Amino acid sequence: MNKALVTIRNYALSVLAPVLMIALLLLVSPETRSVSAVISLLRQGFAPAVLGWGVLFNMKVGNWDFSIGARFVLATILSGNLAMQMNLGIPGLVVITIVISLVLAIIVGLAYKFLRIPTLIASIGICLIFESLTRIIYGGAGTHITADYMLLGTSPYDLIAFVICFAIAALFYFKRKIGYNVRAVGSNPTVAQTNGINALNTKTMALIISGLFAGLYCVLSLSKSGVCSAVSGTLGSAATVFDAMMCVLIGMAICGKGNIILSIYSGALITQILKMGMMAIGLPTTYNKVVIAVFVVLFMVSSSKSGSLKSFTGKFHRKAKAC
């Protein structure tokens, strides 16, 4: 009984936060007051959560990877067009998308490892190259797949794909050596190095692991929309990066002692609800990125200052006990 109560307490915030946000959305948006609309909303969090799991490995280990959005677009365009040209079918589309995404992630990882420059600089440089390639290949036309390739974007296949991705993320993060190394290096690189964990190799592997989840995100996203356009403008893919970061930051904020993988899905739901809420109250879509960016900054500040906040509040607790 006590174990059950502890489990409920650990997962309470991860579950309650999106539930309360959904209830708030139902109040401000009458058109969402139906079971089908709520189910559709829950499904909208699938793909962003998958990309968020890839970003989790990077953020946890201390990587700042701004190339993942450009990698997603480039991999989607390449795989979508190749699958259509070679008539690969859905299995072929899934395999070739993951392979291309992993190759692009390996390029970023090797650039970081051998150039020995911060991931922020390396990823932005490669991001600009990949964005340019999206405007060059296939004449900048992007990709468009036919309806028979979009099976994984329909119910219940999207749920099955999401559950499989969830299992893969949990397996890598909690049950494999790479997950332990990522958490160890993220907590204290010096101590991790002393215990035989190579921080450089771990950060490189985190970049490559993110490529796996970026590939899975490509599959889910393309199966849902059927199209992917070339990146317009410099760092036009940054919105995808910030959306994924917000999922992770919200997930970390509401996780507590629960499961971070589940919490990131909750973070993805909250992000989608915020976007729908802004549309419901009539806020122009041009302001969405601004609002999302503000939330990302706030959560980044709260995350980086969490130690200071704990010590600050601890002083008041000690004073209260003394009184």
Protein backbone atom coordinates (compact mmCIF):
# COMPACT_ATOMS: atom_id res chain seq x y z
CA MET A 1 0.00 0.00 0.00
CA ASN A 2 2.81 2.39 0.95
CA LYS A 3 4.64 1.58 -2.28
CA ALA A 4 1.50 2.36 -4.27
CA LEU A 5 1.11 5.72 -2.51
CA VAL A 6 4.77 6.57 -3.19
CA THR A 7 4.30 5.72 -6.87
CA ILE A 8 1.17 7.87 -7.10
CA ARG A 9 2.95 10.76 -5.40
CA ASN A 10 5.98 10.46 -7.72
CA TYR A 11 3.84 10.52 -10.86
CA ALA A 12 1.13 12.91 -9.63
CA LEU A 13 2.52 16.13 -11.12
CA SER A 14 3.40 14.53 -14.47
CA VAL A 15 -0.22 13.43 -14.83
CA LEU A 16 -2.04 16.32 -13.16
CA ALA A 17 -0.22 19.12 -15.01
CA PRO A 18 -1.45 18.17 -18.52
CA VAL A 19 -4.88 17.21 -17.16
CA LEU A 20 -5.30 20.68 -15.62
CA MET A 21 -4.05 22.29 -18.83
CA ILE A 22 -6.56 20.29 -20.88
CA ALA A 23 -9.35 21.35 -18.49
CA LEU A 24 -8.27 24.99 -18.91
CA LEU A 25 -8.27 24.60 -22.70
CA LEU A 26 -11.80 23.18 -22.59
CA LEU A 27 -12.92 26.30 -20.73
CA VAL A 28 -11.47 28.78 -23.22
CA SER A 29 -12.10 26.74 -26.39
CA PRO A 30 -15.66 25.37 -26.75
CA GLU A 31 -14.82 23.54 -30.01
CA THR A 32 -12.51 21.19 -28.08
CA ARG A 33 -15.29 20.03 -25.74
CA SER A 34 -15.65 16.53 -27.13
CA VAL A 35 -14.06 13.16 -26.53
CA SER A 36 -12.72 12.98 -30.08
CA ALA A 37 -11.09 16.42 -29.74
CA VAL A 38 -9.36 15.43 -26.50
CA ILE A 39 -8.14 12.15 -28.05
CA SER A 40 -6.84 14.10 -31.04
CA LEU A 41 -5.00 16.41 -28.65
CA LEU A 42 -3.40 13.44 -26.87
CA ARG A 43 -2.24 12.10 -30.24
CA GLN A 44 -0.69 15.44 -31.16
CA GLY A 45 1.82 14.99 -28.35
CA PHE A 46 3.21 11.73 -29.77
CA ALA A 47 5.68 13.06 -32.36
CA PRO A 48 7.04 16.03 -30.30
CA ALA A 49 7.64 13.69 -27.35
CA VAL A 50 9.72 11.34 -29.53
CA LEU A 51 11.96 14.20 -30.65
CA GLY A 52 12.08 15.41 -27.04
CA TRP A 53 13.50 12.06 -25.93
CA GLY A 54 16.39 12.53 -28.34
CA VAL A 55 16.96 16.07 -27.06
CA LEU A 56 16.84 14.73 -23.48
CA PHE A 57 20.04 12.72 -24.00
CA ASN A 58 21.81 15.83 -25.31
CA MET A 59 20.57 18.20 -22.62
CA LYS A 60 21.22 15.73 -19.83
CA VAL A 61 24.85 15.28 -20.89
CA GLY A 62 25.41 19.00 -21.46
CA ASN A 63 25.18 19.16 -25.27
CA TRP A 64 23.53 22.11 -26.99
CA ASP A 65 22.52 20.70 -30.36
CA PHE A 66 20.82 23.22 -32.66
CA SER A 67 21.20 21.02 -35.74
CA ILE A 68 18.45 18.55 -34.88
CA GLY A 69 15.75 20.62 -36.61
CA ALA A 70 17.76 20.89 -39.84
CA ARG A 71 18.62 17.20 -39.63
CA PHE A 72 14.93 16.37 -39.30
CA VAL A 73 14.01 18.38 -42.42
CA LEU A 74 16.93 17.07 -44.52
CA ALA A 75 16.34 13.44 -43.49
CA THR A 76 12.61 13.74 -44.15
CA ILE A 77 13.10 15.23 -47.63
CA LEU A 78 15.72 12.64 -48.61
CA SER A 79 13.87 9.62 -47.25
CA GLY A 80 10.47 10.70 -48.52
CA ASN A 81 11.68 11.23 -52.06
CA LEU A 82 13.84 8.09 -52.12
CA ALA A 83 11.01 5.95 -50.77
CA MET A 84 8.65 7.24 -53.45
CA GLN A 85 11.21 6.91 -56.28
CA MET A 86 12.30 3.38 -55.29
CA ASN A 87 8.82 2.24 -54.22
CA LEU A 88 10.13 1.04 -50.84
CA GLY A 89 6.80 0.86 -49.03
CA ILE A 90 6.25 1.75 -45.38
CA PRO A 91 8.94 -0.60 -43.93
CA GLY A 92 11.47 0.78 -46.41
CA LEU A 93 10.48 4.35 -45.57
CA VAL A 94 10.98 3.70 -41.85
CA VAL A 95 14.37 2.03 -42.32
CA ILE A 96 15.80 4.54 -44.78
CA THR A 97 14.61 7.49 -42.66
CA ILE A 98 16.30 6.16 -39.53
CA VAL A 99 19.50 5.31 -41.43
CA ILE A 100 19.75 8.76 -43.02
CA SER A 101 18.99 10.47 -39.71
CA LEU A 102 21.69 8.42 -37.96
CA VAL A 103 24.23 9.28 -40.67
CA LEU A 104 23.50 12.99 -40.26
CA ALA A 105 23.80 12.65 -36.47
CA ILE A 106 27.13 10.82 -36.85
CA ILE A 107 28.41 13.74 -38.94
CA VAL A 108 27.56 16.15 -36.11
CA GLY A 109 29.04 13.81 -33.50
CA LEU A 110 32.30 13.33 -35.38
CA ALA A 111 32.59 17.08 -36.04
CA TYR A 112 32.29 17.70 -32.30
CA LYS A 113 34.68 14.90 -31.35
CA PHE A 114 37.52 15.65 -33.76
CA LEU A 115 37.27 19.43 -33.99
CA ARG A 116 37.07 19.70 -30.18
CA ILE A 117 34.80 22.73 -30.32
CA PRO A 118 31.67 23.29 -28.19
CA THR A 119 28.56 21.49 -29.41
CA LEU A 120 26.75 24.82 -29.68
CA ILE A 121 29.23 26.11 -32.29
CA ALA A 122 29.57 22.80 -34.13
CA SER A 123 25.83 22.20 -34.33
CA ILE A 124 24.98 25.71 -35.54
CA GLY A 125 27.64 25.52 -38.26
CA ILE A 126 26.39 22.15 -39.49
CA CYS A 127 22.78 23.33 -39.12
CA LEU A 128 23.43 26.11 -41.64
CA ILE A 129 24.95 23.60 -44.08
CA PHE A 130 22.04 21.16 -43.73
CA GLU A 131 19.48 23.96 -44.11
CA SER A 132 21.17 25.03 -47.35
CA LEU A 133 21.06 21.45 -48.62
CA THR A 134 17.29 21.30 -48.08
CA ARG A 135 16.96 24.23 -50.50
CA ILE A 136 19.31 22.65 -53.06
CA ILE A 137 18.28 19.00 -53.33
CA TYR A 138 15.24 18.23 -55.49
CA GLY A 139 15.21 21.87 -56.53
CA GLY A 140 14.07 22.95 -53.05
CA ALA A 141 10.69 21.29 -53.59
CA GLY A 142 10.80 19.32 -50.35
CA THR A 143 8.89 16.04 -50.37
CA HIS A 144 5.32 14.84 -50.70
CA ILE A 145 4.32 11.23 -50.05
CA THR A 146 1.11 9.53 -51.13
CA ALA A 147 -1.64 8.43 -48.75
CA ASP A 148 -0.56 4.77 -48.78
CA TYR A 149 2.71 5.79 -47.05
CA MET A 150 0.86 7.60 -44.24
CA LEU A 151 -0.49 4.57 -42.37
CA LEU A 152 1.60 5.27 -39.25
CA GLY A 153 -0.08 8.65 -38.92
CA THR A 154 -3.53 7.10 -38.46
CA SER A 155 -5.13 5.52 -35.39
CA PRO A 156 -4.28 3.06 -33.85
CA TYR A 157 -0.96 2.70 -35.70
CA ASP A 158 0.36 6.03 -34.40
CA LEU A 159 -0.29 4.83 -30.83
CA ILE A 160 1.50 1.54 -31.51
CA ALA A 161 4.47 3.40 -33.01
CA PHE A 162 4.53 5.79 -30.04
CA VAL A 163 4.53 2.93 -27.52
CA ILE A 164 7.43 1.28 -29.37
CA CYS A 165 9.36 4.57 -29.35
CA PHE A 166 8.56 4.98 -25.62
CA ALA A 167 9.96 1.50 -24.93
CA ILE A 168 13.14 2.27 -26.91
CA ALA A 169 13.67 5.56 -25.06
CA ALA A 170 13.14 3.94 -21.64
CA LEU A 171 15.43 1.06 -22.57
CA PHE A 172 18.30 3.35 -23.62
CA TYR A 173 17.89 5.79 -20.76
CA PHE A 174 17.33 3.42 -17.84
CA LYS A 175 18.58 -0.02 -18.88
CA ARG A 176 21.66 0.54 -21.06
CA LYS A 177 25.18 1.72 -20.35
CA ILE A 178 24.79 4.82 -22.51
CA GLY A 179 21.92 6.04 -20.33
CA TYR A 180 23.96 5.58 -17.16
CA ASN A 181 26.97 7.33 -18.72
CA VAL A 182 24.82 10.24 -19.90
CA ARG A 183 23.37 10.75 -16.43
CA ALA A 184 26.80 10.41 -14.80
CA VAL A 185 28.54 12.89 -17.13
CA GLY A 186 25.61 15.29 -16.85
CA SER A 187 25.75 15.19 -13.04
CA ASN A 188 29.53 15.64 -12.70
CA PRO A 189 31.91 15.18 -15.67
CA THR A 190 35.00 15.16 -13.44
CA VAL A 191 33.71 12.40 -11.16
CA ALA A 192 32.48 10.45 -14.19
CA GLN A 193 35.92 10.71 -15.82
CA THR A 194 37.54 9.54 -12.58
CA ASN A 195 35.29 6.47 -12.63
CA GLY A 196 36.38 5.55 -16.15
CA ILE A 197 33.61 7.20 -18.17
CA ASN A 198 34.94 9.09 -21.18
CA ALA A 199 32.99 12.35 -21.24
CA LEU A 200 33.93 13.17 -24.85
CA ASN A 201 32.78 9.79 -26.16
CA THR A 202 29.60 9.95 -24.08
CA LYS A 203 28.69 13.38 -25.47
CA THR A 204 29.38 12.13 -28.98
CA MET A 205 27.17 9.08 -28.43
CA ALA A 206 24.39 11.29 -27.07
CA LEU A 207 24.44 13.25 -30.33
CA ILE A 208 24.19 10.00 -32.30
CA ILE A 209 21.38 8.64 -30.10
CA SER A 210 19.46 11.85 -30.77
CA GLY A 211 19.71 10.92 -34.46
CA LEU A 212 17.76 7.72 -33.82
CA PHE A 213 14.88 9.62 -32.22
CA ALA A 214 15.06 12.36 -34.85
CA GLY A 215 14.59 9.60 -37.44
CA LEU A 216 11.60 8.19 -35.58
CA TYR A 217 10.19 11.71 -35.33
CA CYS A 218 10.67 12.10 -39.10
CA VAL A 219 8.60 8.96 -39.68
CA LEU A 220 5.75 10.03 -37.37
CA SER A 221 5.70 13.61 -38.61
CA LEU A 222 5.79 12.70 -42.31
CA SER A 223 3.16 10.00 -41.79
CA LYS A 224 0.92 12.61 -40.19
CA SER A 225 1.30 15.50 -42.65
CA GLY A 226 2.54 13.77 -45.79
CA VAL A 227 4.66 16.78 -46.74
CA CYS A 228 7.87 18.48 -45.68
CA SER A 229 9.13 21.77 -47.11
CA ALA A 230 12.68 23.04 -47.38
CA VAL A 231 13.91 25.33 -44.61
CA SER A 232 13.30 28.99 -45.41
CA GLY A 233 15.68 31.60 -44.06
CA THR A 234 18.71 31.30 -41.83
CA LEU A 235 18.11 29.09 -38.79
CA GLY A 236 14.55 28.55 -39.96
CA SER A 237 14.63 25.12 -38.33
CA ALA A 238 15.25 26.62 -34.87
CA ALA A 239 11.52 26.53 -34.05
CA THR A 240 11.65 22.72 -34.08
CA VAL A 241 14.62 22.80 -31.70
CA PHE A 242 12.92 25.19 -29.28
CA ASP A 243 9.70 23.16 -29.31
CA ALA A 244 11.64 20.01 -28.42
CA MET A 245 13.62 21.83 -25.74
CA MET A 246 10.41 23.13 -24.19
CA CYS A 247 9.03 19.58 -24.00
CA VAL A 248 12.18 18.47 -22.17
CA LEU A 249 12.38 21.48 -19.85
CA ILE A 250 8.71 21.19 -18.85
CA GLY A 251 9.17 17.44 -18.42
CA MET A 252 12.14 17.99 -16.11
CA ALA A 253 10.21 20.61 -14.15
CA ILE A 254 7.21 18.35 -13.47
CA CYS A 255 9.03 15.03 -13.24
CA GLY A 256 9.97 15.05 -9.57
CA LYS A 257 10.87 11.45 -8.68
CA GLY A 258 8.79 10.02 -11.50
CA ASN A 259 9.72 8.77 -14.96
CA ILE A 260 11.37 11.47 -17.08
CA ILE A 261 10.36 9.69 -20.31
CA LEU A 262 6.68 9.92 -19.37
CA SER A 263 7.14 13.48 -18.11
CA ILE A 264 8.50 14.59 -21.48
CA TYR A 265 5.31 13.32 -23.11
CA SER A 266 3.41 15.42 -20.57
CA GLY A 267 5.65 18.34 -21.53
CA ALA A 268 4.83 17.76 -25.20
CA LEU A 269 1.11 17.80 -24.38
CA ILE A 270 1.44 21.03 -22.41
CA THR A 271 3.33 22.62 -25.32
CA GLN A 272 0.58 21.65 -27.76
CA ILE A 273 -2.10 22.90 -25.37
CA LEU A 274 -0.32 26.26 -25.05
CA LYS A 275 -0.30 26.62 -28.84
CA MET A 276 -3.99 25.70 -29.10
CA GLY A 277 -4.81 28.02 -26.21
CA MET A 278 -3.09 30.94 -27.90
CA MET A 279 -5.12 30.26 -31.04
CA ALA A 280 -8.32 29.95 -29.01
CA ILE A 281 -7.90 33.39 -27.40
CA GLY A 282 -7.15 34.93 -30.79
CA LEU A 283 -3.42 35.53 -30.38
CA PRO A 284 -1.82 35.80 -33.86
CA THR A 285 0.26 32.76 -34.83
CA THR A 286 3.25 35.03 -35.44
CA TYR A 287 3.48 35.46 -31.67
CA ASN A 288 3.58 31.71 -30.98
CA LYS A 289 7.33 31.48 -31.40
CA VAL A 290 7.84 34.45 -29.11
CA VAL A 291 5.70 32.92 -26.36
CA ILE A 292 7.37 29.51 -26.75
CA ALA A 293 10.82 31.14 -26.63
CA VAL A 294 9.89 33.02 -23.45
CA PHE A 295 8.73 29.79 -21.80
CA VAL A 296 11.95 28.04 -22.88
CA VAL A 297 14.06 30.81 -21.32
CA LEU A 298 12.02 30.76 -18.10
CA PHE A 299 12.32 27.01 -17.73
CA MET A 300 16.05 27.13 -18.55
CA VAL A 301 16.56 29.77 -15.85
CA SER A 302 14.50 27.81 -13.32
CA SER A 303 16.45 24.65 -14.16
CA SER A 304 19.90 26.29 -13.92
CA LYS A 305 18.98 28.11 -10.71
CA SER A 306 17.28 25.16 -9.00
CA GLY A 307 20.26 24.62 -6.70
CA SER A 308 20.32 28.27 -5.67
CA LEU A 309 16.56 28.26 -5.07
CA LYS A 310 16.82 25.18 -2.85
CA SER A 311 19.59 26.71 -0.74
CA PHE A 312 17.65 29.99 -0.53
CA THR A 313 14.44 28.30 0.61
CA GLY A 314 16.46 26.06 2.91
CA LYS A 315 17.58 29.10 4.89
CA PHE A 316 13.96 30.01 5.63
CA HIS A 317 13.17 26.42 6.66
CA ARG A 318 16.11 26.44 9.09
CA LYS A 319 15.02 29.80 10.49
CA ALA A 320 11.47 28.55 10.94
CA LYS A 321 12.69 25.49 12.82
CA ALA A 322 14.89 27.66 15.03
CA CYS A 323 11.90 29.81 15.95
